[in-house]
Amino acid sequence: NESYWFIDGKNYFEDLFYKLMEANNSIYITDWWLSPEVFLRRPVNITPYLDMIQNDILINNNQSINNMTRLIDVLNYKANQGVKIYILIYKEFSIAMSINSEYTENVFNALNNKNIKITRFPSFTDTILWSNHEKLVIIDDIIGYVGGLDLCWGRYDNNNHSIYEAPNNQNIY
C-alpha cells in the first residue's frame, strides 16, 4: 500500500479534487459534516460562478470543470459521467448542533441525479449521546482517504495554520 499524510486542509482538498476527477466507477463518502458548496481548490476563479448565478444554473456546461472547484459541482459532473456516488452524513440532533445535514441532503437531492444517493444517519432518535463521526472518501474501491477532515467549511487551512480563513477580494468563501 502507498500512504500519504496530509497535515493541511489545502493539500488534502486539492489532492482529493484531482482524485475525484479521475474517478471512473464509484465514490463513497461518509462525513460528520458536509458542505456542498465548499471549494476544494483555492484561490477560486470567480468567473464561472458569477455566470452560474446570472443564469441560475448549477454547472455551466460551457465552462471547464477544472474551473469548478465546489464539491457539489465535482460530484455532479462525475455523476453525469456515470460514476455512482454514495454519501452518508450524520443526522445531527438540531437541539444540540447546527451542522444542518437536512440542508446538505436537500441540495444534493435537488440535483435530481440518479447517480447520487445521499443518506442521513441515524434514522432513530432514541439516543442523543451518539455520533457518526467517520470521515472517509473511497474512490473506485482503490483510493481511500481516512480520518481527519470533514468536507465542510472551516476545515481548510494551509501551512500557516491560521485559525480562520483569510478574506479574499471577491468574498466568495
N, C-alpha and C. Protein backbone atom coordinates (compact mmCIF):
# COMPACT_ATOMS: atom_id res chain seq x y z
N ASN A 1 0.83 -1.18 0.00
CA ASN A 1 0.00 0.00 0.00
C ASN A 1 0.87 1.24 0.00
N GLU A 2 0.40 2.24 -0.65
CA GLU A 2 1.06 3.54 -0.66
C GLU A 2 0.26 4.47 0.24
N SER A 3 0.91 5.18 1.13
CA SER A 3 0.22 6.05 2.06
C SER A 3 0.82 7.45 2.05
N TYR A 4 -0.05 8.42 2.27
CA TYR A 4 0.36 9.82 2.40
C TYR A 4 -0.34 10.40 3.62
N TRP A 5 0.30 11.33 4.28
CA TRP A 5 -0.29 12.02 5.40
C TRP A 5 -0.49 13.48 5.01
N PHE A 6 -1.68 13.97 5.22
CA PHE A 6 -1.98 15.38 4.93
C PHE A 6 -2.05 16.13 6.25
N ILE A 7 -1.26 17.16 6.35
CA ILE A 7 -1.25 17.97 7.55
C ILE A 7 -2.18 19.16 7.39
N ASP A 8 -2.26 19.67 6.19
CA ASP A 8 -3.06 20.88 5.92
C ASP A 8 -4.29 20.55 5.09
N GLY A 9 -5.38 21.25 5.37
CA GLY A 9 -6.59 21.09 4.57
C GLY A 9 -6.36 21.42 3.11
N LYS A 10 -5.53 22.42 2.84
CA LYS A 10 -5.26 22.82 1.45
C LYS A 10 -4.74 21.63 0.64
N ASN A 11 -3.75 20.94 1.17
CA ASN A 11 -3.17 19.80 0.45
C ASN A 11 -4.17 18.66 0.30
N TYR A 12 -4.94 18.40 1.35
CA TYR A 12 -5.93 17.33 1.30
C TYR A 12 -7.02 17.65 0.28
N PHE A 13 -7.60 18.84 0.37
CA PHE A 13 -8.71 19.21 -0.53
C PHE A 13 -8.25 19.20 -1.99
N GLU A 14 -7.08 19.73 -2.27
CA GLU A 14 -6.59 19.76 -3.65
C GLU A 14 -6.32 18.35 -4.18
N ASP A 15 -5.68 17.52 -3.38
CA ASP A 15 -5.42 16.15 -3.81
C ASP A 15 -6.73 15.41 -4.04
N LEU A 16 -7.68 15.61 -3.16
CA LEU A 16 -8.98 14.97 -3.31
C LEU A 16 -9.68 15.44 -4.59
N PHE A 17 -9.59 16.72 -4.90
CA PHE A 17 -10.20 17.23 -6.14
C PHE A 17 -9.69 16.45 -7.35
N TYR A 18 -8.37 16.32 -7.46
CA TYR A 18 -7.80 15.64 -8.63
C TYR A 18 -8.15 14.15 -8.66
N LYS A 19 -8.18 13.51 -7.49
CA LYS A 19 -8.54 12.09 -7.45
C LYS A 19 -10.02 11.90 -7.78
N LEU A 20 -10.88 12.78 -7.31
CA LEU A 20 -12.30 12.69 -7.65
C LEU A 20 -12.49 12.84 -9.16
N MET A 21 -11.72 13.74 -9.76
CA MET A 21 -11.84 13.97 -11.20
C MET A 21 -11.41 12.74 -12.00
N GLU A 22 -10.59 11.86 -11.41
CA GLU A 22 -10.14 10.65 -12.09
C GLU A 22 -11.06 9.46 -11.84
N ALA A 23 -12.09 9.62 -11.00
CA ALA A 23 -12.98 8.51 -10.67
C ALA A 23 -13.67 7.99 -11.92
N ASN A 24 -13.77 6.65 -12.01
CA ASN A 24 -14.41 6.02 -13.16
C ASN A 24 -15.69 5.27 -12.81
N ASN A 25 -15.78 4.73 -11.60
CA ASN A 25 -16.90 3.87 -11.26
C ASN A 25 -17.71 4.32 -10.04
N SER A 26 -17.00 4.61 -8.95
CA SER A 26 -17.72 4.88 -7.71
C SER A 26 -16.98 5.84 -6.80
N ILE A 27 -17.78 6.57 -6.02
CA ILE A 27 -17.26 7.45 -4.98
C ILE A 27 -18.15 7.23 -3.76
N TYR A 28 -17.53 6.86 -2.64
CA TYR A 28 -18.24 6.70 -1.38
C TYR A 28 -17.72 7.77 -0.42
N ILE A 29 -18.63 8.46 0.24
CA ILE A 29 -18.24 9.50 1.20
C ILE A 29 -19.04 9.30 2.48
N THR A 30 -18.36 9.26 3.61
CA THR A 30 -19.02 9.37 4.90
C THR A 30 -18.44 10.61 5.57
N ASP A 31 -19.30 11.33 6.25
CA ASP A 31 -18.86 12.58 6.87
C ASP A 31 -19.75 12.92 8.04
N TRP A 32 -19.16 13.57 9.00
CA TRP A 32 -19.92 14.10 10.13
C TRP A 32 -20.63 15.37 9.67
N TRP A 33 -19.91 16.23 8.95
CA TRP A 33 -20.50 17.46 8.41
C TRP A 33 -19.98 17.60 6.99
N LEU A 34 -20.88 17.85 6.05
CA LEU A 34 -20.50 18.01 4.65
C LEU A 34 -21.17 19.27 4.11
N SER A 35 -20.36 20.18 3.57
CA SER A 35 -20.87 21.42 2.98
C SER A 35 -20.77 21.31 1.46
N PRO A 36 -21.91 21.20 0.76
CA PRO A 36 -21.88 21.01 -0.70
C PRO A 36 -21.09 22.09 -1.44
N GLU A 37 -21.14 23.31 -0.95
CA GLU A 37 -20.52 24.42 -1.67
C GLU A 37 -19.06 24.68 -1.29
N VAL A 38 -18.47 23.81 -0.48
CA VAL A 38 -17.08 24.03 -0.09
C VAL A 38 -16.17 23.92 -1.33
N PHE A 39 -15.23 24.82 -1.44
CA PHE A 39 -14.28 24.83 -2.56
C PHE A 39 -13.11 23.90 -2.25
N LEU A 40 -12.83 22.99 -3.17
CA LEU A 40 -11.72 22.06 -2.97
C LEU A 40 -10.39 22.65 -3.43
N ARG A 41 -10.43 23.57 -4.39
CA ARG A 41 -9.20 24.25 -4.84
C ARG A 41 -9.37 25.74 -4.64
N ARG A 42 -8.33 26.37 -4.11
CA ARG A 42 -8.36 27.80 -3.86
C ARG A 42 -7.00 28.39 -4.20
N PRO A 43 -6.89 29.60 -4.65
CA PRO A 43 -7.96 30.58 -4.81
C PRO A 43 -8.92 30.16 -5.91
N VAL A 44 -10.10 30.73 -5.86
CA VAL A 44 -11.19 30.36 -6.74
C VAL A 44 -11.26 31.32 -7.92
N ASN A 45 -11.47 30.75 -9.11
CA ASN A 45 -11.76 31.57 -10.29
C ASN A 45 -13.23 31.94 -10.21
N ILE A 46 -13.53 33.19 -9.96
CA ILE A 46 -14.90 33.64 -9.71
C ILE A 46 -15.77 33.65 -10.97
N THR A 47 -15.20 33.75 -12.16
CA THR A 47 -15.96 33.94 -13.38
C THR A 47 -17.03 32.88 -13.61
N PRO A 48 -16.72 31.59 -13.57
CA PRO A 48 -17.79 30.61 -13.82
C PRO A 48 -18.92 30.67 -12.80
N TYR A 49 -18.60 31.05 -11.56
CA TYR A 49 -19.63 31.11 -10.54
C TYR A 49 -20.54 32.31 -10.74
N LEU A 50 -19.98 33.43 -11.18
CA LEU A 50 -20.81 34.58 -11.50
C LEU A 50 -21.75 34.26 -12.66
N ASP A 51 -21.23 33.53 -13.65
CA ASP A 51 -22.07 33.10 -14.78
C ASP A 51 -23.20 32.21 -14.30
N MET A 52 -22.89 31.31 -13.38
CA MET A 52 -23.91 30.40 -12.86
C MET A 52 -25.02 31.16 -12.14
N ILE A 53 -24.62 32.12 -11.32
CA ILE A 53 -25.61 32.91 -10.58
C ILE A 53 -26.48 33.68 -11.56
N GLN A 54 -25.85 34.29 -12.54
CA GLN A 54 -26.58 35.07 -13.53
C GLN A 54 -27.58 34.22 -14.31
N ASN A 55 -27.18 32.99 -14.65
CA ASN A 55 -28.04 32.12 -15.45
C ASN A 55 -28.85 31.15 -14.60
N ASP A 56 -28.74 31.25 -13.28
CA ASP A 56 -29.49 30.40 -12.35
C ASP A 56 -29.33 28.92 -12.67
N ILE A 57 -28.08 28.48 -12.81
CA ILE A 57 -27.78 27.08 -13.08
C ILE A 57 -26.70 26.60 -12.14
N LEU A 58 -26.60 25.29 -11.99
CA LEU A 58 -25.59 24.74 -11.09
C LEU A 58 -24.24 24.63 -11.77
N ILE A 59 -24.20 24.00 -12.93
CA ILE A 59 -22.95 23.89 -13.67
C ILE A 59 -23.18 24.40 -15.08
N ASN A 60 -22.33 25.30 -15.51
CA ASN A 60 -22.41 25.83 -16.86
C ASN A 60 -21.62 24.88 -17.75
N ASN A 61 -22.31 24.18 -18.63
CA ASN A 61 -21.65 23.17 -19.46
C ASN A 61 -20.61 23.75 -20.39
N ASN A 62 -20.60 25.06 -20.57
CA ASN A 62 -19.60 25.70 -21.41
C ASN A 62 -18.30 25.96 -20.66
N GLN A 63 -18.33 25.81 -19.36
CA GLN A 63 -17.14 26.06 -18.55
C GLN A 63 -16.38 24.76 -18.34
N SER A 64 -15.09 24.88 -18.26
CA SER A 64 -14.27 23.71 -17.94
C SER A 64 -14.50 23.34 -16.48
N ILE A 65 -14.68 22.06 -16.20
CA ILE A 65 -14.87 21.63 -14.83
C ILE A 65 -13.65 21.96 -13.98
N ASN A 66 -12.49 22.13 -14.59
CA ASN A 66 -11.31 22.49 -13.82
C ASN A 66 -11.44 23.87 -13.18
N ASN A 67 -12.37 24.68 -13.68
CA ASN A 67 -12.65 25.96 -13.04
C ASN A 67 -13.72 25.84 -11.98
N MET A 68 -14.37 24.70 -11.92
CA MET A 68 -15.45 24.48 -10.98
C MET A 68 -14.91 23.64 -9.83
N THR A 69 -14.67 24.25 -8.71
CA THR A 69 -13.98 23.52 -7.65
C THR A 69 -14.84 23.26 -6.42
N ARG A 70 -16.14 23.59 -6.48
CA ARG A 70 -17.00 23.25 -5.35
C ARG A 70 -17.25 21.75 -5.34
N LEU A 71 -17.36 21.18 -4.17
CA LEU A 71 -17.59 19.76 -4.03
C LEU A 71 -18.83 19.32 -4.81
N ILE A 72 -19.91 20.05 -4.69
CA ILE A 72 -21.16 19.66 -5.36
C ILE A 72 -21.00 19.66 -6.88
N ASP A 73 -20.25 20.59 -7.43
CA ASP A 73 -20.04 20.65 -8.88
C ASP A 73 -19.23 19.45 -9.36
N VAL A 74 -18.19 19.12 -8.62
CA VAL A 74 -17.33 17.99 -8.99
C VAL A 74 -18.14 16.70 -8.94
N LEU A 75 -18.89 16.49 -7.86
CA LEU A 75 -19.66 15.25 -7.73
C LEU A 75 -20.76 15.16 -8.79
N ASN A 76 -21.43 16.24 -9.07
CA ASN A 76 -22.47 16.24 -10.11
C ASN A 76 -21.86 15.96 -11.48
N TYR A 77 -20.72 16.54 -11.75
CA TYR A 77 -20.02 16.31 -13.02
C TYR A 77 -19.68 14.83 -13.19
N LYS A 78 -19.11 14.23 -12.12
CA LYS A 78 -18.75 12.82 -12.20
C LYS A 78 -20.00 11.94 -12.30
N ALA A 79 -21.05 12.28 -11.59
CA ALA A 79 -22.30 11.51 -11.67
C ALA A 79 -22.87 11.57 -13.08
N ASN A 80 -22.75 12.72 -13.73
CA ASN A 80 -23.22 12.85 -15.12
C ASN A 80 -22.40 11.98 -16.07
N GLN A 81 -21.19 11.62 -15.66
CA GLN A 81 -20.36 10.71 -16.46
C GLN A 81 -20.66 9.25 -16.15
N GLY A 82 -21.57 9.01 -15.23
CA GLY A 82 -21.95 7.64 -14.89
C GLY A 82 -21.32 7.09 -13.63
N VAL A 83 -20.51 7.88 -12.93
CA VAL A 83 -19.91 7.44 -11.67
C VAL A 83 -21.01 7.40 -10.61
N LYS A 84 -21.10 6.29 -9.89
CA LYS A 84 -22.07 6.13 -8.80
C LYS A 84 -21.51 6.77 -7.54
N ILE A 85 -22.31 7.65 -6.93
CA ILE A 85 -21.85 8.39 -5.77
C ILE A 85 -22.80 8.11 -4.60
N TYR A 86 -22.23 7.68 -3.49
CA TYR A 86 -22.99 7.37 -2.29
C TYR A 86 -22.44 8.20 -1.14
N ILE A 87 -23.32 8.96 -0.50
CA ILE A 87 -22.91 9.86 0.58
C ILE A 87 -23.70 9.50 1.84
N LEU A 88 -22.99 9.29 2.93
CA LEU A 88 -23.60 9.04 4.23
C LEU A 88 -23.15 10.15 5.16
N ILE A 89 -24.12 10.92 5.67
CA ILE A 89 -23.77 12.02 6.59
C ILE A 89 -24.52 11.85 7.90
N TYR A 90 -23.93 12.41 8.91
CA TYR A 90 -24.50 12.33 10.25
C TYR A 90 -25.77 13.16 10.34
N LYS A 91 -26.85 12.56 10.80
CA LYS A 91 -28.11 13.26 11.04
C LYS A 91 -28.07 13.75 12.49
N GLU A 92 -27.71 15.00 12.62
CA GLU A 92 -27.49 15.58 13.94
C GLU A 92 -28.81 15.82 14.67
N PHE A 93 -28.71 16.02 15.95
CA PHE A 93 -29.84 16.46 16.76
C PHE A 93 -29.80 17.98 16.76
N SER A 94 -30.76 18.58 16.09
CA SER A 94 -30.72 20.04 15.87
C SER A 94 -30.72 20.83 17.16
N ILE A 95 -31.21 20.25 18.22
CA ILE A 95 -31.18 20.94 19.52
C ILE A 95 -29.74 21.16 19.97
N ALA A 96 -28.89 20.20 19.66
CA ALA A 96 -27.52 20.22 20.16
C ALA A 96 -26.51 20.87 19.22
N MET A 97 -26.78 20.87 17.90
CA MET A 97 -25.79 21.41 16.97
C MET A 97 -26.46 21.90 15.70
N SER A 98 -25.70 22.69 14.95
CA SER A 98 -26.29 23.36 13.78
C SER A 98 -25.55 23.04 12.49
N ILE A 99 -25.18 21.79 12.26
CA ILE A 99 -24.47 21.46 11.03
C ILE A 99 -25.42 21.28 9.85
N ASN A 100 -26.71 21.20 10.12
CA ASN A 100 -27.78 21.23 9.12
C ASN A 100 -27.60 20.20 8.00
N SER A 101 -27.60 18.95 8.38
CA SER A 101 -27.48 17.88 7.38
C SER A 101 -28.70 17.82 6.47
N GLU A 102 -29.83 18.32 6.94
CA GLU A 102 -31.02 18.35 6.09
C GLU A 102 -30.79 19.26 4.88
N TYR A 103 -30.14 20.39 5.11
CA TYR A 103 -29.79 21.28 4.00
C TYR A 103 -28.91 20.55 2.99
N THR A 104 -27.88 19.87 3.48
CA THR A 104 -26.97 19.13 2.59
C THR A 104 -27.74 18.09 1.78
N GLU A 105 -28.60 17.34 2.44
CA GLU A 105 -29.40 16.33 1.74
C GLU A 105 -30.28 16.99 0.67
N ASN A 106 -30.93 18.08 1.02
CA ASN A 106 -31.82 18.76 0.07
C ASN A 106 -31.07 19.30 -1.14
N VAL A 107 -29.87 19.84 -0.93
CA VAL A 107 -29.08 20.38 -2.04
C VAL A 107 -28.70 19.27 -3.02
N PHE A 108 -28.24 18.14 -2.50
CA PHE A 108 -27.88 17.03 -3.39
C PHE A 108 -29.11 16.43 -4.06
N ASN A 109 -30.20 16.30 -3.34
CA ASN A 109 -31.42 15.76 -3.95
C ASN A 109 -31.98 16.69 -5.02
N ALA A 110 -31.77 17.99 -4.86
CA ALA A 110 -32.26 18.96 -5.85
C ALA A 110 -31.55 18.79 -7.20
N LEU A 111 -30.38 18.17 -7.20
CA LEU A 111 -29.70 17.89 -8.46
C LEU A 111 -30.50 16.92 -9.32
N ASN A 112 -31.32 16.11 -8.64
CA ASN A 112 -32.14 15.11 -9.33
C ASN A 112 -31.27 14.22 -10.22
N ASN A 113 -30.12 13.83 -9.68
CA ASN A 113 -29.18 12.99 -10.43
C ASN A 113 -29.28 11.56 -9.91
N LYS A 114 -29.70 10.64 -10.78
CA LYS A 114 -29.92 9.25 -10.36
C LYS A 114 -28.65 8.57 -9.87
N ASN A 115 -27.49 9.13 -10.17
CA ASN A 115 -26.23 8.51 -9.75
C ASN A 115 -25.72 9.04 -8.41
N ILE A 116 -26.45 9.93 -7.79
CA ILE A 116 -26.06 10.45 -6.47
C ILE A 116 -27.11 10.02 -5.45
N LYS A 117 -26.68 9.27 -4.45
CA LYS A 117 -27.55 8.83 -3.36
C LYS A 117 -26.98 9.39 -2.06
N ILE A 118 -27.84 10.05 -1.30
CA ILE A 118 -27.40 10.61 -0.01
C ILE A 118 -28.32 10.11 1.09
N THR A 119 -27.71 9.74 2.21
CA THR A 119 -28.46 9.25 3.36
C THR A 119 -27.97 9.97 4.60
N ARG A 120 -28.93 10.40 5.41
CA ARG A 120 -28.61 10.94 6.73
C ARG A 120 -28.83 9.83 7.74
N PHE A 121 -27.88 9.67 8.68
CA PHE A 121 -27.94 8.58 9.62
C PHE A 121 -27.50 9.06 11.00
N PRO A 122 -28.09 8.68 12.07
CA PRO A 122 -29.06 7.61 12.21
C PRO A 122 -30.49 8.08 11.98
N SER A 123 -31.33 7.16 11.68
CA SER A 123 -32.74 7.49 11.49
C SER A 123 -33.49 7.38 12.81
N PHE A 124 -32.87 6.76 13.80
CA PHE A 124 -33.52 6.63 15.11
C PHE A 124 -33.26 7.88 15.94
N THR A 125 -34.09 8.11 16.90
CA THR A 125 -33.96 9.31 17.75
C THR A 125 -33.94 8.96 19.22
N ASP A 126 -33.68 7.71 19.55
CA ASP A 126 -33.75 7.31 20.96
C ASP A 126 -32.45 7.52 21.73
N THR A 127 -31.42 8.00 21.08
CA THR A 127 -30.19 8.30 21.81
C THR A 127 -29.60 9.62 21.32
N ILE A 128 -29.24 10.45 22.26
CA ILE A 128 -28.64 11.73 21.90
C ILE A 128 -27.12 11.70 22.10
N LEU A 129 -26.64 10.64 22.74
CA LEU A 129 -25.21 10.54 23.04
C LEU A 129 -24.47 9.67 22.04
N TRP A 130 -24.81 9.80 20.77
CA TRP A 130 -24.20 9.00 19.71
C TRP A 130 -23.89 9.92 18.54
N SER A 131 -22.80 9.65 17.84
CA SER A 131 -22.46 10.46 16.67
C SER A 131 -21.76 9.61 15.64
N ASN A 132 -22.12 9.80 14.38
CA ASN A 132 -21.42 9.18 13.26
C ASN A 132 -20.29 10.14 12.89
N HIS A 133 -19.11 9.88 13.38
CA HIS A 133 -18.02 10.84 13.24
C HIS A 133 -16.97 10.43 12.21
N GLU A 134 -17.27 9.40 11.42
CA GLU A 134 -16.30 8.93 10.44
C GLU A 134 -16.12 9.96 9.32
N LYS A 135 -14.93 9.97 8.77
CA LYS A 135 -14.61 10.81 7.63
C LYS A 135 -13.85 9.94 6.63
N LEU A 136 -14.55 9.50 5.59
CA LEU A 136 -13.96 8.62 4.59
C LEU A 136 -14.35 9.08 3.20
N VAL A 137 -13.43 8.93 2.27
CA VAL A 137 -13.74 9.04 0.85
C VAL A 137 -13.05 7.85 0.18
N ILE A 138 -13.83 7.04 -0.51
CA ILE A 138 -13.30 5.87 -1.22
C ILE A 138 -13.61 6.06 -2.70
N ILE A 139 -12.60 6.01 -3.54
CA ILE A 139 -12.75 6.25 -4.97
C ILE A 139 -12.39 4.97 -5.73
N ASP A 140 -13.36 4.48 -6.51
CA ASP A 140 -13.19 3.29 -7.36
C ASP A 140 -12.68 2.07 -6.58
N ASP A 141 -13.01 1.99 -5.30
CA ASP A 141 -12.60 0.87 -4.44
C ASP A 141 -11.08 0.69 -4.40
N ILE A 142 -10.34 1.74 -4.75
CA ILE A 142 -8.88 1.64 -4.78
C ILE A 142 -8.23 2.70 -3.90
N ILE A 143 -8.70 3.93 -4.02
CA ILE A 143 -8.10 5.06 -3.29
C ILE A 143 -8.97 5.38 -2.09
N GLY A 144 -8.36 5.49 -0.93
CA GLY A 144 -9.11 5.78 0.28
C GLY A 144 -8.49 6.93 1.06
N TYR A 145 -9.34 7.84 1.47
CA TYR A 145 -8.96 8.92 2.40
C TYR A 145 -9.65 8.59 3.71
N VAL A 146 -8.87 8.52 4.79
CA VAL A 146 -9.40 8.06 6.06
C VAL A 146 -9.09 9.09 7.14
N GLY A 147 -10.12 9.47 7.89
CA GLY A 147 -9.95 10.30 9.08
C GLY A 147 -9.65 11.75 8.82
N GLY A 148 -9.65 12.49 9.88
CA GLY A 148 -9.17 13.86 9.82
C GLY A 148 -10.19 14.92 9.51
N LEU A 149 -10.37 15.25 8.23
CA LEU A 149 -11.09 16.46 7.86
C LEU A 149 -12.45 16.18 7.24
N ASP A 150 -13.47 16.85 7.78
CA ASP A 150 -14.77 16.86 7.13
C ASP A 150 -14.67 17.67 5.85
N LEU A 151 -15.51 17.37 4.88
CA LEU A 151 -15.57 18.15 3.64
C LEU A 151 -16.56 19.29 3.87
N CYS A 152 -16.11 20.26 4.66
CA CYS A 152 -17.02 21.35 5.04
C CYS A 152 -16.23 22.64 5.26
N TRP A 153 -17.00 23.69 5.49
CA TRP A 153 -16.39 24.99 5.80
C TRP A 153 -15.62 24.90 7.11
N GLY A 154 -14.54 25.65 7.19
CA GLY A 154 -13.78 25.72 8.42
C GLY A 154 -12.70 24.67 8.58
N ARG A 155 -12.54 23.80 7.59
CA ARG A 155 -11.51 22.76 7.69
C ARG A 155 -10.31 23.04 6.79
N TYR A 156 -10.41 24.08 6.01
CA TYR A 156 -9.35 24.41 5.05
C TYR A 156 -8.31 25.29 5.74
N ASP A 157 -7.12 24.78 5.88
CA ASP A 157 -6.01 25.60 6.35
C ASP A 157 -4.82 25.34 5.45
N ASN A 158 -3.80 26.15 5.61
CA ASN A 158 -2.56 25.93 4.84
C ASN A 158 -1.41 25.80 5.83
N ASN A 159 -0.18 25.86 5.34
CA ASN A 159 0.94 25.62 6.25
C ASN A 159 1.17 26.76 7.24
N ASN A 160 0.41 27.86 7.13
CA ASN A 160 0.48 28.91 8.15
C ASN A 160 -0.40 28.60 9.35
N HIS A 161 -1.36 27.68 9.19
CA HIS A 161 -2.27 27.23 10.24
C HIS A 161 -2.98 28.37 10.94
N SER A 162 -3.49 29.30 10.16
CA SER A 162 -4.30 30.39 10.70
C SER A 162 -5.56 29.80 11.33
N ILE A 163 -6.09 30.43 12.35
CA ILE A 163 -7.29 29.91 13.00
C ILE A 163 -8.57 30.29 12.25
N TYR A 164 -8.46 31.07 11.20
CA TYR A 164 -9.62 31.40 10.36
C TYR A 164 -9.13 31.58 8.93
N GLU A 165 -10.06 31.49 7.98
CA GLU A 165 -9.71 31.69 6.58
C GLU A 165 -9.62 33.19 6.31
N ALA A 166 -8.56 33.58 5.63
CA ALA A 166 -8.38 35.00 5.32
C ALA A 166 -9.44 35.45 4.33
N PRO A 167 -9.97 36.64 4.50
CA PRO A 167 -10.91 37.15 3.50
C PRO A 167 -10.24 37.26 2.15
N ASN A 168 -11.00 37.15 1.09
CA ASN A 168 -10.45 37.30 -0.24
C ASN A 168 -11.15 38.46 -0.93
N ASN A 169 -10.58 38.93 -2.02
CA ASN A 169 -11.11 40.13 -2.67
C ASN A 169 -12.56 39.99 -3.12
N GLN A 170 -12.96 38.80 -3.55
CA GLN A 170 -14.31 38.62 -4.05
C GLN A 170 -15.31 38.21 -2.97
N ASN A 171 -14.83 37.92 -1.76
CA ASN A 171 -15.68 37.46 -0.67
C ASN A 171 -16.59 36.31 -1.06
N ILE A 172 -16.05 35.32 -1.77
CA ILE A 172 -16.87 34.20 -2.20
C ILE A 172 -16.75 32.99 -1.30
N TYR A 173 -15.85 32.99 -0.37
CA TYR A 173 -15.82 31.93 0.63
C TYR A 173 -15.26 32.49 1.92
